[in-house]
mmCIF file of all heavy atoms, coordinates in Angstrom:
data_MODEL
# 
_entry.id   MODEL 
# 
loop_
_atom_site.group_PDB 
_atom_site.id 
_atom_site.type_symbol 
_atom_site.label_atom_id 
_atom_site.label_alt_id 
_atom_site.label_comp_id 
_atom_site.label_asym_id 
_atom_site.label_entity_id 
_atom_site.label_seq_id 
_atom_site.pdbx_PDB_ins_code 
_atom_site.Cartn_x 
_atom_site.Cartn_y 
_atom_site.Cartn_z 
_atom_site.occupancy 
_atom_site.B_iso_or_equiv 
_atom_site.pdbx_formal_charge 
_atom_site.auth_seq_id 
_atom_site.auth_comp_id 
_atom_site.auth_asym_id 
_atom_site.auth_atom_id 
_atom_site.pdbx_PDB_model_num 
ATOM 1   N N   . ILE A 1 1  ? 104.443 -36.558 -57.328 1.00 0.00 ? 1  ILE A N   1 
ATOM 2   C CA  . ILE A 1 1  ? 103.830 -37.059 -56.095 1.00 0.00 ? 1  ILE A CA  1 
ATOM 3   C C   . ILE A 1 1  ? 102.849 -38.183 -56.392 1.00 0.00 ? 1  ILE A C   1 
ATOM 4   O O   . ILE A 1 1  ? 102.902 -39.181 -55.775 1.00 0.00 ? 1  ILE A O   1 
ATOM 5   C CB  . ILE A 1 1  ? 103.096 -35.895 -55.313 1.00 0.00 ? 1  ILE A CB  1 
ATOM 6   C CG1 . ILE A 1 1  ? 104.191 -34.955 -54.765 1.00 0.00 ? 1  ILE A CG1 1 
ATOM 7   C CG2 . ILE A 1 1  ? 102.320 -36.456 -54.146 1.00 0.00 ? 1  ILE A CG2 1 
ATOM 8   C CD1 . ILE A 1 1  ? 103.617 -33.747 -54.212 1.00 0.00 ? 1  ILE A CD1 1 
ATOM 9   N N   . ASN A 1 2  ? 102.019 -38.002 -57.352 1.00 0.00 ? 2  ASN A N   1 
ATOM 10  C CA  . ASN A 1 2  ? 101.148 -39.095 -57.792 1.00 0.00 ? 2  ASN A CA  1 
ATOM 11  C C   . ASN A 1 2  ? 101.778 -40.400 -58.228 1.00 0.00 ? 2  ASN A C   1 
ATOM 12  O O   . ASN A 1 2  ? 101.395 -41.443 -57.785 1.00 0.00 ? 2  ASN A O   1 
ATOM 13  C CB  . ASN A 1 2  ? 100.112 -38.610 -58.863 1.00 0.00 ? 2  ASN A CB  1 
ATOM 14  C CG  . ASN A 1 2  ? 99.099  -39.651 -59.192 1.00 0.00 ? 2  ASN A CG  1 
ATOM 15  O OD1 . ASN A 1 2  ? 98.328  -39.923 -58.378 1.00 0.00 ? 2  ASN A OD1 1 
ATOM 16  N ND2 . ASN A 1 2  ? 99.070  -40.078 -60.504 1.00 0.00 ? 2  ASN A ND2 1 
ATOM 17  N N   . GLU A 1 3  ? 102.809 -40.223 -58.974 1.00 0.00 ? 3  GLU A N   1 
ATOM 18  C CA  . GLU A 1 3  ? 103.619 -41.385 -59.471 1.00 0.00 ? 3  GLU A CA  1 
ATOM 19  C C   . GLU A 1 3  ? 104.133 -42.014 -58.193 1.00 0.00 ? 3  GLU A C   1 
ATOM 20  O O   . GLU A 1 3  ? 104.206 -43.347 -58.139 1.00 0.00 ? 3  GLU A O   1 
ATOM 21  C CB  . GLU A 1 3  ? 104.631 -40.920 -60.394 1.00 0.00 ? 3  GLU A CB  1 
ATOM 22  C CG  . GLU A 1 3  ? 105.425 -42.034 -61.120 1.00 0.00 ? 3  GLU A CG  1 
ATOM 23  C CD  . GLU A 1 3  ? 104.707 -42.635 -62.222 1.00 0.00 ? 3  GLU A CD  1 
ATOM 24  O OE1 . GLU A 1 3  ? 103.586 -42.232 -62.538 1.00 0.00 ? 3  GLU A OE1 1 
ATOM 25  O OE2 . GLU A 1 3  ? 105.158 -43.595 -62.738 1.00 0.00 ? 3  GLU A OE2 1 
ATOM 26  N N   . ALA A 1 4  ? 104.713 -41.337 -57.317 1.00 0.00 ? 4  ALA A N   1 
ATOM 27  C CA  . ALA A 1 4  ? 105.407 -41.984 -56.128 1.00 0.00 ? 4  ALA A CA  1 
ATOM 28  C C   . ALA A 1 4  ? 104.314 -42.656 -55.272 1.00 0.00 ? 4  ALA A C   1 
ATOM 29  O O   . ALA A 1 4  ? 104.579 -43.812 -54.828 1.00 0.00 ? 4  ALA A O   1 
ATOM 30  C CB  . ALA A 1 4  ? 106.080 -40.824 -55.253 1.00 0.00 ? 4  ALA A CB  1 
ATOM 31  N N   . ILE A 1 5  ? 103.092 -42.052 -55.193 1.00 0.00 ? 5  ILE A N   1 
ATOM 32  C CA  . ILE A 1 5  ? 102.079 -42.745 -54.300 1.00 0.00 ? 5  ILE A CA  1 
ATOM 33  C C   . ILE A 1 5  ? 101.597 -44.033 -55.069 1.00 0.00 ? 5  ILE A C   1 
ATOM 34  O O   . ILE A 1 5  ? 101.487 -45.069 -54.368 1.00 0.00 ? 5  ILE A O   1 
ATOM 35  C CB  . ILE A 1 5  ? 100.929 -41.796 -54.143 1.00 0.00 ? 5  ILE A CB  1 
ATOM 36  C CG1 . ILE A 1 5  ? 101.310 -40.635 -53.316 1.00 0.00 ? 5  ILE A CG1 1 
ATOM 37  C CG2 . ILE A 1 5  ? 99.674  -42.449 -53.625 1.00 0.00 ? 5  ILE A CG2 1 
ATOM 38  C CD1 . ILE A 1 5  ? 100.364 -39.511 -53.292 1.00 0.00 ? 5  ILE A CD1 1 
ATOM 39  N N   . GLU A 1 6  ? 101.452 -43.986 -56.357 1.00 0.00 ? 6  GLU A N   1 
ATOM 40  C CA  . GLU A 1 6  ? 101.078 -45.221 -57.125 1.00 0.00 ? 6  GLU A CA  1 
ATOM 41  C C   . GLU A 1 6  ? 102.064 -46.311 -57.008 1.00 0.00 ? 6  GLU A C   1 
ATOM 42  O O   . GLU A 1 6  ? 101.791 -47.459 -56.809 1.00 0.00 ? 6  GLU A O   1 
ATOM 43  C CB  . GLU A 1 6  ? 100.794 -44.832 -58.538 1.00 0.00 ? 6  GLU A CB  1 
ATOM 44  C CG  . GLU A 1 6  ? 99.592  -43.973 -58.763 1.00 0.00 ? 6  GLU A CG  1 
ATOM 45  C CD  . GLU A 1 6  ? 98.268  -44.662 -58.161 1.00 0.00 ? 6  GLU A CD  1 
ATOM 46  O OE1 . GLU A 1 6  ? 98.044  -45.907 -58.379 1.00 0.00 ? 6  GLU A OE1 1 
ATOM 47  O OE2 . GLU A 1 6  ? 97.510  -43.944 -57.463 1.00 0.00 ? 6  GLU A OE2 1 
ATOM 48  N N   . LEU A 1 7  ? 103.444 -45.866 -57.138 1.00 0.00 ? 7  LEU A N   1 
ATOM 49  C CA  . LEU A 1 7  ? 104.466 -46.918 -56.981 1.00 0.00 ? 7  LEU A CA  1 
ATOM 50  C C   . LEU A 1 7  ? 104.477 -47.455 -55.490 1.00 0.00 ? 7  LEU A C   1 
ATOM 51  O O   . LEU A 1 7  ? 104.656 -48.667 -55.348 1.00 0.00 ? 7  LEU A O   1 
ATOM 52  C CB  . LEU A 1 7  ? 105.821 -46.266 -57.341 1.00 0.00 ? 7  LEU A CB  1 
ATOM 53  C CG  . LEU A 1 7  ? 105.982 -46.014 -58.784 1.00 0.00 ? 7  LEU A CG  1 
ATOM 54  C CD1 . LEU A 1 7  ? 107.168 -45.058 -59.072 1.00 0.00 ? 7  LEU A CD1 1 
ATOM 55  C CD2 . LEU A 1 7  ? 106.286 -47.279 -59.586 1.00 0.00 ? 7  LEU A CD2 1 
ATOM 56  N N   . ALA A 1 8  ? 104.270 -46.626 -54.526 1.00 0.00 ? 8  ALA A N   1 
ATOM 57  C CA  . ALA A 1 8  ? 104.233 -47.101 -53.097 1.00 0.00 ? 8  ALA A CA  1 
ATOM 58  C C   . ALA A 1 8  ? 102.971 -48.050 -52.987 1.00 0.00 ? 8  ALA A C   1 
ATOM 59  O O   . ALA A 1 8  ? 103.160 -49.101 -52.219 1.00 0.00 ? 8  ALA A O   1 
ATOM 60  C CB  . ALA A 1 8  ? 104.105 -45.900 -52.146 1.00 0.00 ? 8  ALA A CB  1 
ATOM 61  N N   . LYS A 1 9  ? 101.911 -47.824 -53.576 1.00 0.00 ? 9  LYS A N   1 
ATOM 62  C CA  . LYS A 1 9  ? 100.779 -48.834 -53.452 1.00 0.00 ? 9  LYS A CA  1 
ATOM 63  C C   . LYS A 1 9  ? 101.165 -50.151 -53.949 1.00 0.00 ? 9  LYS A C   1 
ATOM 64  O O   . LYS A 1 9  ? 100.723 -51.146 -53.408 1.00 0.00 ? 9  LYS A O   1 
ATOM 65  C CB  . LYS A 1 9  ? 99.596  -48.269 -54.256 1.00 0.00 ? 9  LYS A CB  1 
ATOM 66  C CG  . LYS A 1 9  ? 98.853  -47.055 -53.641 1.00 0.00 ? 9  LYS A CG  1 
ATOM 67  C CD  . LYS A 1 9  ? 97.778  -46.538 -54.508 1.00 0.00 ? 9  LYS A CD  1 
ATOM 68  C CE  . LYS A 1 9  ? 97.081  -45.358 -53.945 1.00 0.00 ? 9  LYS A CE  1 
ATOM 69  N NZ  . LYS A 1 9  ? 96.058  -44.810 -54.855 1.00 0.00 ? 9  LYS A NZ  1 
ATOM 70  N N   . ARG A 1 10 ? 101.994 -50.171 -55.113 1.00 0.00 ? 10 ARG A N   1 
ATOM 71  C CA  . ARG A 1 10 ? 102.341 -51.501 -55.689 1.00 0.00 ? 10 ARG A CA  1 
ATOM 72  C C   . ARG A 1 10 ? 103.562 -52.128 -55.001 1.00 0.00 ? 10 ARG A C   1 
ATOM 73  O O   . ARG A 1 10 ? 103.589 -53.344 -54.990 1.00 0.00 ? 10 ARG A O   1 
ATOM 74  C CB  . ARG A 1 10 ? 102.627 -51.237 -57.153 1.00 0.00 ? 10 ARG A CB  1 
ATOM 75  C CG  . ARG A 1 10 ? 101.428 -50.991 -58.040 1.00 0.00 ? 10 ARG A CG  1 
ATOM 76  C CD  . ARG A 1 10 ? 101.581 -51.376 -59.471 1.00 0.00 ? 10 ARG A CD  1 
ATOM 77  N NE  . ARG A 1 10 ? 102.892 -51.309 -60.087 1.00 0.00 ? 10 ARG A NE  1 
ATOM 78  C CZ  . ARG A 1 10 ? 103.268 -50.266 -60.711 1.00 0.00 ? 10 ARG A CZ  1 
ATOM 79  N NH1 . ARG A 1 10 ? 102.557 -49.234 -61.003 1.00 0.00 ? 10 ARG A NH1 1 
ATOM 80  N NH2 . ARG A 1 10 ? 104.557 -50.323 -61.297 1.00 0.00 ? 10 ARG A NH2 1 
ATOM 81  N N   . LEU A 1 11 ? 104.460 -51.323 -54.483 1.00 0.00 ? 11 LEU A N   1 
ATOM 82  C CA  . LEU A 1 11 ? 105.766 -51.867 -54.027 1.00 0.00 ? 11 LEU A CA  1 
ATOM 83  C C   . LEU A 1 11 ? 105.947 -51.889 -52.566 1.00 0.00 ? 11 LEU A C   1 
ATOM 84  O O   . LEU A 1 11 ? 106.831 -52.669 -52.080 1.00 0.00 ? 11 LEU A O   1 
ATOM 85  C CB  . LEU A 1 11 ? 106.846 -51.133 -54.700 1.00 0.00 ? 11 LEU A CB  1 
ATOM 86  C CG  . LEU A 1 11 ? 106.823 -51.077 -56.289 1.00 0.00 ? 11 LEU A CG  1 
ATOM 87  C CD1 . LEU A 1 11 ? 108.013 -50.048 -56.748 1.00 0.00 ? 11 LEU A CD1 1 
ATOM 88  C CD2 . LEU A 1 11 ? 107.096 -52.365 -56.893 1.00 0.00 ? 11 LEU A CD2 1 
ATOM 89  N N   . ALA A 1 12 ? 105.301 -51.040 -51.919 1.00 0.00 ? 12 ALA A N   1 
ATOM 90  C CA  . ALA A 1 12 ? 105.660 -50.823 -50.361 1.00 0.00 ? 12 ALA A CA  1 
ATOM 91  C C   . ALA A 1 12 ? 104.584 -51.325 -49.494 1.00 0.00 ? 12 ALA A C   1 
ATOM 92  O O   . ALA A 1 12 ? 103.592 -51.895 -49.844 1.00 0.00 ? 12 ALA A O   1 
ATOM 93  C CB  . ALA A 1 12 ? 106.061 -49.315 -50.269 1.00 0.00 ? 12 ALA A CB  1 
ATOM 94  N N   . SER A 1 13 ? 104.752 -50.982 -48.222 1.00 0.00 ? 13 SER A N   1 
ATOM 95  C CA  . SER A 1 13 ? 103.822 -51.289 -47.159 1.00 0.00 ? 13 SER A CA  1 
ATOM 96  C C   . SER A 1 13 ? 102.528 -50.615 -47.280 1.00 0.00 ? 13 SER A C   1 
ATOM 97  O O   . SER A 1 13 ? 102.424 -49.654 -48.012 1.00 0.00 ? 13 SER A O   1 
ATOM 98  C CB  . SER A 1 13 ? 104.418 -51.143 -45.790 1.00 0.00 ? 13 SER A CB  1 
ATOM 99  O OG  . SER A 1 13 ? 104.590 -49.757 -45.586 1.00 0.00 ? 13 SER A OG  1 
ATOM 100 N N   . ASP A 1 14 ? 101.505 -51.111 -46.586 1.00 0.00 ? 14 ASP A N   1 
ATOM 101 C CA  . ASP A 1 14 ? 100.207 -50.573 -46.723 1.00 0.00 ? 14 ASP A CA  1 
ATOM 102 C C   . ASP A 1 14 ? 100.121 -49.004 -46.259 1.00 0.00 ? 14 ASP A C   1 
ATOM 103 O O   . ASP A 1 14 ? 99.348  -48.226 -46.838 1.00 0.00 ? 14 ASP A O   1 
ATOM 104 C CB  . ASP A 1 14 ? 99.088  -51.322 -45.850 1.00 0.00 ? 14 ASP A CB  1 
ATOM 105 C CG  . ASP A 1 14 ? 98.825  -52.744 -46.382 1.00 0.00 ? 14 ASP A CG  1 
ATOM 106 O OD1 . ASP A 1 14 ? 99.143  -52.878 -47.585 1.00 0.00 ? 14 ASP A OD1 1 
ATOM 107 O OD2 . ASP A 1 14 ? 98.294  -53.518 -45.606 1.00 0.00 ? 14 ASP A OD2 1 
ATOM 108 N N   . ASN A 1 15 ? 100.941 -48.654 -45.270 1.00 0.00 ? 15 ASN A N   1 
ATOM 109 C CA  . ASN A 1 15 ? 100.945 -47.276 -44.785 1.00 0.00 ? 15 ASN A CA  1 
ATOM 110 C C   . ASN A 1 15 ? 101.808 -46.371 -45.615 1.00 0.00 ? 15 ASN A C   1 
ATOM 111 O O   . ASN A 1 15 ? 101.780 -45.145 -45.518 1.00 0.00 ? 15 ASN A O   1 
ATOM 112 C CB  . ASN A 1 15 ? 101.456 -47.154 -43.406 1.00 0.00 ? 15 ASN A CB  1 
ATOM 113 C CG  . ASN A 1 15 ? 100.520 -48.000 -42.430 1.00 0.00 ? 15 ASN A CG  1 
ATOM 114 O OD1 . ASN A 1 15 ? 99.296  -48.013 -42.670 1.00 0.00 ? 15 ASN A OD1 1 
ATOM 115 N ND2 . ASN A 1 15 ? 101.002 -48.536 -41.392 1.00 0.00 ? 15 ASN A ND2 1 
ATOM 116 N N   . ALA A 1 16 ? 102.573 -46.937 -46.509 1.00 0.00 ? 16 ALA A N   1 
ATOM 117 C CA  . ALA A 1 16 ? 103.585 -46.132 -47.296 1.00 0.00 ? 16 ALA A CA  1 
ATOM 118 C C   . ALA A 1 16 ? 102.961 -45.039 -48.146 1.00 0.00 ? 16 ALA A C   1 
ATOM 119 O O   . ALA A 1 16 ? 103.460 -43.988 -48.210 1.00 0.00 ? 16 ALA A O   1 
ATOM 120 C CB  . ALA A 1 16 ? 104.450 -47.072 -48.185 1.00 0.00 ? 16 ALA A CB  1 
ATOM 121 N N   . PRO A 1 17 ? 101.879 -45.317 -48.919 1.00 0.00 ? 17 PRO A N   1 
ATOM 122 C CA  . PRO A 1 17 ? 101.312 -44.244 -49.791 1.00 0.00 ? 17 PRO A CA  1 
ATOM 123 C C   . PRO A 1 17 ? 101.080 -42.966 -48.978 1.00 0.00 ? 17 PRO A C   1 
ATOM 124 O O   . PRO A 1 17 ? 101.320 -41.852 -49.426 1.00 0.00 ? 17 PRO A O   1 
ATOM 125 C CB  . PRO A 1 17 ? 100.156 -44.874 -50.365 1.00 0.00 ? 17 PRO A CB  1 
ATOM 126 C CG  . PRO A 1 17 ? 100.388 -46.317 -50.493 1.00 0.00 ? 17 PRO A CG  1 
ATOM 127 C CD  . PRO A 1 17 ? 101.217 -46.548 -49.175 1.00 0.00 ? 17 PRO A CD  1 
ATOM 128 N N   . LYS A 1 18 ? 100.361 -43.044 -47.842 1.00 0.00 ? 18 LYS A N   1 
ATOM 129 C CA  . LYS A 1 18 ? 99.965  -41.989 -47.134 1.00 0.00 ? 18 LYS A CA  1 
ATOM 130 C C   . LYS A 1 18 ? 101.216 -41.233 -46.511 1.00 0.00 ? 18 LYS A C   1 
ATOM 131 O O   . LYS A 1 18 ? 101.303 -39.944 -46.559 1.00 0.00 ? 18 LYS A O   1 
ATOM 132 C CB  . LYS A 1 18 ? 98.976  -42.393 -45.942 1.00 0.00 ? 18 LYS A CB  1 
ATOM 133 C CG  . LYS A 1 18 ? 98.525  -41.283 -45.106 1.00 0.00 ? 18 LYS A CG  1 
ATOM 134 C CD  . LYS A 1 18 ? 97.568  -41.795 -44.004 1.00 0.00 ? 18 LYS A CD  1 
ATOM 135 C CE  . LYS A 1 18 ? 97.064  -40.601 -43.103 1.00 0.00 ? 18 LYS A CE  1 
ATOM 136 N NZ  . LYS A 1 18 ? 96.222  -41.076 -42.156 1.00 0.00 ? 18 LYS A NZ  1 
ATOM 137 N N   . PHE A 1 19 ? 102.146 -41.933 -46.097 1.00 0.00 ? 19 PHE A N   1 
ATOM 138 C CA  . PHE A 1 19 ? 103.357 -41.408 -45.487 1.00 0.00 ? 19 PHE A CA  1 
ATOM 139 C C   . PHE A 1 19 ? 104.181 -40.706 -46.537 1.00 0.00 ? 19 PHE A C   1 
ATOM 140 O O   . PHE A 1 19 ? 104.610 -39.584 -46.288 1.00 0.00 ? 19 PHE A O   1 
ATOM 141 C CB  . PHE A 1 19 ? 104.210 -42.612 -44.799 1.00 0.00 ? 19 PHE A CB  1 
ATOM 142 C CG  . PHE A 1 19 ? 105.566 -42.119 -44.443 1.00 0.00 ? 19 PHE A CG  1 
ATOM 143 C CD1 . PHE A 1 19 ? 105.782 -41.385 -43.300 1.00 0.00 ? 19 PHE A CD1 1 
ATOM 144 C CD2 . PHE A 1 19 ? 106.689 -42.442 -45.231 1.00 0.00 ? 19 PHE A CD2 1 
ATOM 145 C CE1 . PHE A 1 19 ? 107.037 -40.965 -42.968 1.00 0.00 ? 19 PHE A CE1 1 
ATOM 146 C CE2 . PHE A 1 19 ? 107.957 -42.075 -44.875 1.00 0.00 ? 19 PHE A CE2 1 
ATOM 147 C CZ  . PHE A 1 19 ? 108.169 -41.380 -43.822 1.00 0.00 ? 19 PHE A CZ  1 
ATOM 148 N N   . ILE A 1 20 ? 104.344 -41.335 -47.695 1.00 0.00 ? 20 ILE A N   1 
ATOM 149 C CA  . ILE A 1 20 ? 105.085 -40.777 -48.853 1.00 0.00 ? 20 ILE A CA  1 
ATOM 150 C C   . ILE A 1 20 ? 104.426 -39.456 -49.233 1.00 0.00 ? 20 ILE A C   1 
ATOM 151 O O   . ILE A 1 20 ? 105.023 -38.397 -49.598 1.00 0.00 ? 20 ILE A O   1 
ATOM 152 C CB  . ILE A 1 20 ? 105.332 -41.784 -49.960 1.00 0.00 ? 20 ILE A CB  1 
ATOM 153 C CG1 . ILE A 1 20 ? 106.315 -42.812 -49.449 1.00 0.00 ? 20 ILE A CG1 1 
ATOM 154 C CG2 . ILE A 1 20 ? 105.723 -41.118 -51.247 1.00 0.00 ? 20 ILE A CG2 1 
ATOM 155 C CD1 . ILE A 1 20 ? 106.602 -43.912 -50.392 1.00 0.00 ? 20 ILE A CD1 1 
ATOM 156 N N   . ASN A 1 21 ? 103.153 -39.440 -49.414 1.00 0.00 ? 21 ASN A N   1 
ATOM 157 C CA  . ASN A 1 21 ? 102.324 -38.233 -49.728 1.00 0.00 ? 21 ASN A CA  1 
ATOM 158 C C   . ASN A 1 21 ? 102.644 -37.182 -48.769 1.00 0.00 ? 21 ASN A C   1 
ATOM 159 O O   . ASN A 1 21 ? 102.840 -35.985 -49.201 1.00 0.00 ? 21 ASN A O   1 
ATOM 160 C CB  . ASN A 1 21 ? 100.799 -38.590 -49.799 1.00 0.00 ? 21 ASN A CB  1 
ATOM 161 C CG  . ASN A 1 21 ? 100.022 -37.459 -50.315 1.00 0.00 ? 21 ASN A CG  1 
ATOM 162 O OD1 . ASN A 1 21 ? 100.464 -36.704 -51.205 1.00 0.00 ? 21 ASN A OD1 1 
ATOM 163 N ND2 . ASN A 1 21 ? 98.876  -37.198 -49.685 1.00 0.00 ? 21 ASN A ND2 1 
ATOM 164 N N   . GLY A 1 22 ? 102.627 -37.440 -47.466 1.00 0.00 ? 22 GLY A N   1 
ATOM 165 C CA  . GLY A 1 22 ? 102.831 -36.343 -46.461 1.00 0.00 ? 22 GLY A CA  1 
ATOM 166 C C   . GLY A 1 22 ? 104.207 -35.839 -46.522 1.00 0.00 ? 22 GLY A C   1 
ATOM 167 O O   . GLY A 1 22 ? 104.367 -34.603 -46.501 1.00 0.00 ? 22 GLY A O   1 
ATOM 168 N N   . VAL A 1 23 ? 105.188 -36.624 -46.721 1.00 0.00 ? 23 VAL A N   1 
ATOM 169 C CA  . VAL A 1 23 ? 106.562 -36.119 -46.848 1.00 0.00 ? 23 VAL A CA  1 
ATOM 170 C C   . VAL A 1 23 ? 106.703 -35.297 -48.125 1.00 0.00 ? 23 VAL A C   1 
ATOM 171 O O   . VAL A 1 23 ? 107.350 -34.192 -48.126 1.00 0.00 ? 23 VAL A O   1 
ATOM 172 C CB  . VAL A 1 23 ? 107.655 -37.295 -46.739 1.00 0.00 ? 23 VAL A CB  1 
ATOM 173 C CG1 . VAL A 1 23 ? 108.985 -36.762 -47.047 1.00 0.00 ? 23 VAL A CG1 1 
ATOM 174 C CG2 . VAL A 1 23 ? 107.535 -37.966 -45.439 1.00 0.00 ? 23 VAL A CG2 1 
ATOM 175 N N   . LEU A 1 24 ? 106.296 -35.805 -49.240 1.00 0.00 ? 24 LEU A N   1 
ATOM 176 C CA  . LEU A 1 24 ? 106.494 -35.091 -50.461 1.00 0.00 ? 24 LEU A CA  1 
ATOM 177 C C   . LEU A 1 24 ? 105.696 -33.817 -50.542 1.00 0.00 ? 24 LEU A C   1 
ATOM 178 O O   . LEU A 1 24 ? 106.125 -32.804 -51.153 1.00 0.00 ? 24 LEU A O   1 
ATOM 179 C CB  . LEU A 1 24 ? 106.085 -35.981 -51.651 1.00 0.00 ? 24 LEU A CB  1 
ATOM 180 C CG  . LEU A 1 24 ? 107.029 -37.228 -51.843 1.00 0.00 ? 24 LEU A CG  1 
ATOM 181 C CD1 . LEU A 1 24 ? 106.469 -38.062 -53.069 1.00 0.00 ? 24 LEU A CD1 1 
ATOM 182 C CD2 . LEU A 1 24 ? 108.462 -36.821 -52.074 1.00 0.00 ? 24 LEU A CD2 1 
ATOM 183 N N   . ASP A 1 25 ? 104.551 -33.808 -49.843 1.00 0.00 ? 25 ASP A N   1 
ATOM 184 C CA  . ASP A 1 25 ? 103.821 -32.545 -49.766 1.00 0.00 ? 25 ASP A CA  1 
ATOM 185 C C   . ASP A 1 25 ? 104.570 -31.551 -49.024 1.00 0.00 ? 25 ASP A C   1 
ATOM 186 O O   . ASP A 1 25 ? 104.630 -30.270 -49.436 1.00 0.00 ? 25 ASP A O   1 
ATOM 187 C CB  . ASP A 1 25 ? 102.439 -32.818 -49.096 1.00 0.00 ? 25 ASP A CB  1 
ATOM 188 C CG  . ASP A 1 25 ? 101.541 -31.611 -49.246 1.00 0.00 ? 25 ASP A CG  1 
ATOM 189 O OD1 . ASP A 1 25 ? 101.311 -31.145 -50.397 1.00 0.00 ? 25 ASP A OD1 1 
ATOM 190 O OD2 . ASP A 1 25 ? 100.960 -31.149 -48.293 1.00 0.00 ? 25 ASP A OD2 1 
ATOM 191 N N   . LYS A 1 26 ? 105.322 -31.856 -48.028 1.00 0.00 ? 26 LYS A N   1 
ATOM 192 C CA  . LYS A 1 26 ? 106.133 -30.961 -47.247 1.00 0.00 ? 26 LYS A CA  1 
ATOM 193 C C   . LYS A 1 26 ? 107.293 -30.455 -48.155 1.00 0.00 ? 26 LYS A C   1 
ATOM 194 O O   . LYS A 1 26 ? 107.745 -29.316 -48.114 1.00 0.00 ? 26 LYS A O   1 
ATOM 195 C CB  . LYS A 1 26 ? 106.665 -31.563 -45.958 1.00 0.00 ? 26 LYS A CB  1 
ATOM 196 C CG  . LYS A 1 26 ? 105.587 -31.844 -44.947 1.00 0.00 ? 26 LYS A CG  1 
ATOM 197 C CD  . LYS A 1 26 ? 106.124 -32.550 -43.765 1.00 0.00 ? 26 LYS A CD  1 
ATOM 198 C CE  . LYS A 1 26 ? 105.006 -32.996 -42.832 1.00 0.00 ? 26 LYS A CE  1 
ATOM 199 N NZ  . LYS A 1 26 ? 105.666 -33.806 -41.712 1.00 0.00 ? 26 LYS A NZ  1 
ATOM 200 N N   . VAL A 1 27 ? 107.872 -31.372 -48.879 1.00 0.00 ? 27 VAL A N   1 
ATOM 201 C CA  . VAL A 1 27 ? 108.979 -31.021 -49.741 1.00 0.00 ? 27 VAL A CA  1 
ATOM 202 C C   . VAL A 1 27 ? 108.512 -30.076 -50.792 1.00 0.00 ? 27 VAL A C   1 
ATOM 203 O O   . VAL A 1 27 ? 109.248 -29.063 -51.068 1.00 0.00 ? 27 VAL A O   1 
ATOM 204 C CB  . VAL A 1 27 ? 109.624 -32.314 -50.492 1.00 0.00 ? 27 VAL A CB  1 
ATOM 205 C CG1 . VAL A 1 27 ? 110.624 -32.001 -51.479 1.00 0.00 ? 27 VAL A CG1 1 
ATOM 206 C CG2 . VAL A 1 27 ? 110.325 -33.281 -49.360 1.00 0.00 ? 27 VAL A CG2 1 
ATOM 207 N N   . LYS A 1 28 ? 107.402 -30.284 -51.363 1.00 0.00 ? 28 LYS A N   1 
ATOM 208 C CA  . LYS A 1 28 ? 106.874 -29.461 -52.374 1.00 0.00 ? 28 LYS A CA  1 
ATOM 209 C C   . LYS A 1 28 ? 106.689 -28.060 -51.927 1.00 0.00 ? 28 LYS A C   1 
ATOM 210 O O   . LYS A 1 28 ? 106.948 -27.142 -52.700 1.00 0.00 ? 28 LYS A O   1 
ATOM 211 C CB  . LYS A 1 28 ? 105.508 -30.098 -52.902 1.00 0.00 ? 28 LYS A CB  1 
ATOM 212 C CG  . LYS A 1 28 ? 104.806 -29.225 -53.952 1.00 0.00 ? 28 LYS A CG  1 
ATOM 213 C CD  . LYS A 1 28 ? 103.440 -29.903 -54.273 1.00 0.00 ? 28 LYS A CD  1 
ATOM 214 C CE  . LYS A 1 28 ? 102.457 -29.462 -53.180 1.00 0.00 ? 28 LYS A CE  1 
ATOM 215 N NZ  . LYS A 1 28 ? 101.090 -29.738 -53.504 1.00 0.00 ? 28 LYS A NZ  1 
ATOM 216 N N   . ARG A 1 29 ? 106.192 -27.871 -50.672 1.00 0.00 ? 29 ARG A N   1 
ATOM 217 C CA  . ARG A 1 29 ? 105.957 -26.601 -50.125 1.00 0.00 ? 29 ARG A CA  1 
ATOM 218 C C   . ARG A 1 29 ? 107.226 -25.850 -49.694 1.00 0.00 ? 29 ARG A C   1 
ATOM 219 O O   . ARG A 1 29 ? 107.187 -24.568 -49.449 1.00 0.00 ? 29 ARG A O   1 
ATOM 220 C CB  . ARG A 1 29 ? 104.968 -26.620 -49.006 1.00 0.00 ? 29 ARG A CB  1 
ATOM 221 C CG  . ARG A 1 29 ? 103.527 -26.938 -49.473 1.00 0.00 ? 29 ARG A CG  1 
ATOM 222 C CD  . ARG A 1 29 ? 102.622 -26.838 -48.385 1.00 0.00 ? 29 ARG A CD  1 
ATOM 223 N NE  . ARG A 1 29 ? 102.311 -28.136 -47.780 1.00 0.00 ? 29 ARG A NE  1 
ATOM 224 C CZ  . ARG A 1 29 ? 102.149 -28.419 -46.489 1.00 0.00 ? 29 ARG A CZ  1 
ATOM 225 N NH1 . ARG A 1 29 ? 102.165 -27.472 -45.599 1.00 0.00 ? 29 ARG A NH1 1 
ATOM 226 N NH2 . ARG A 1 29 ? 101.970 -29.585 -46.123 1.00 0.00 ? 29 ARG A NH2 1 
ATOM 227 N N   . ALA A 1 30 ? 108.302 -26.590 -49.438 1.00 0.00 ? 30 ALA A N   1 
ATOM 228 C CA  . ALA A 1 30 ? 109.520 -25.971 -48.823 1.00 0.00 ? 30 ALA A CA  1 
ATOM 229 C C   . ALA A 1 30 ? 110.205 -25.056 -49.932 1.00 0.00 ? 30 ALA A C   1 
ATOM 230 O O   . ALA A 1 30 ? 110.103 -25.153 -51.104 1.00 0.00 ? 30 ALA A O   1 
ATOM 231 C CB  . ALA A 1 30 ? 110.531 -27.073 -48.460 1.00 0.00 ? 30 ALA A CB  1 
# 
């Protein structure tokens, strides 16, 4: 999750890190 967030900060839109964190947190708990 941390790696995905860091990559999103560098590569994606400004809102992407928060969005990706939220989706991955749900995936992790499923």
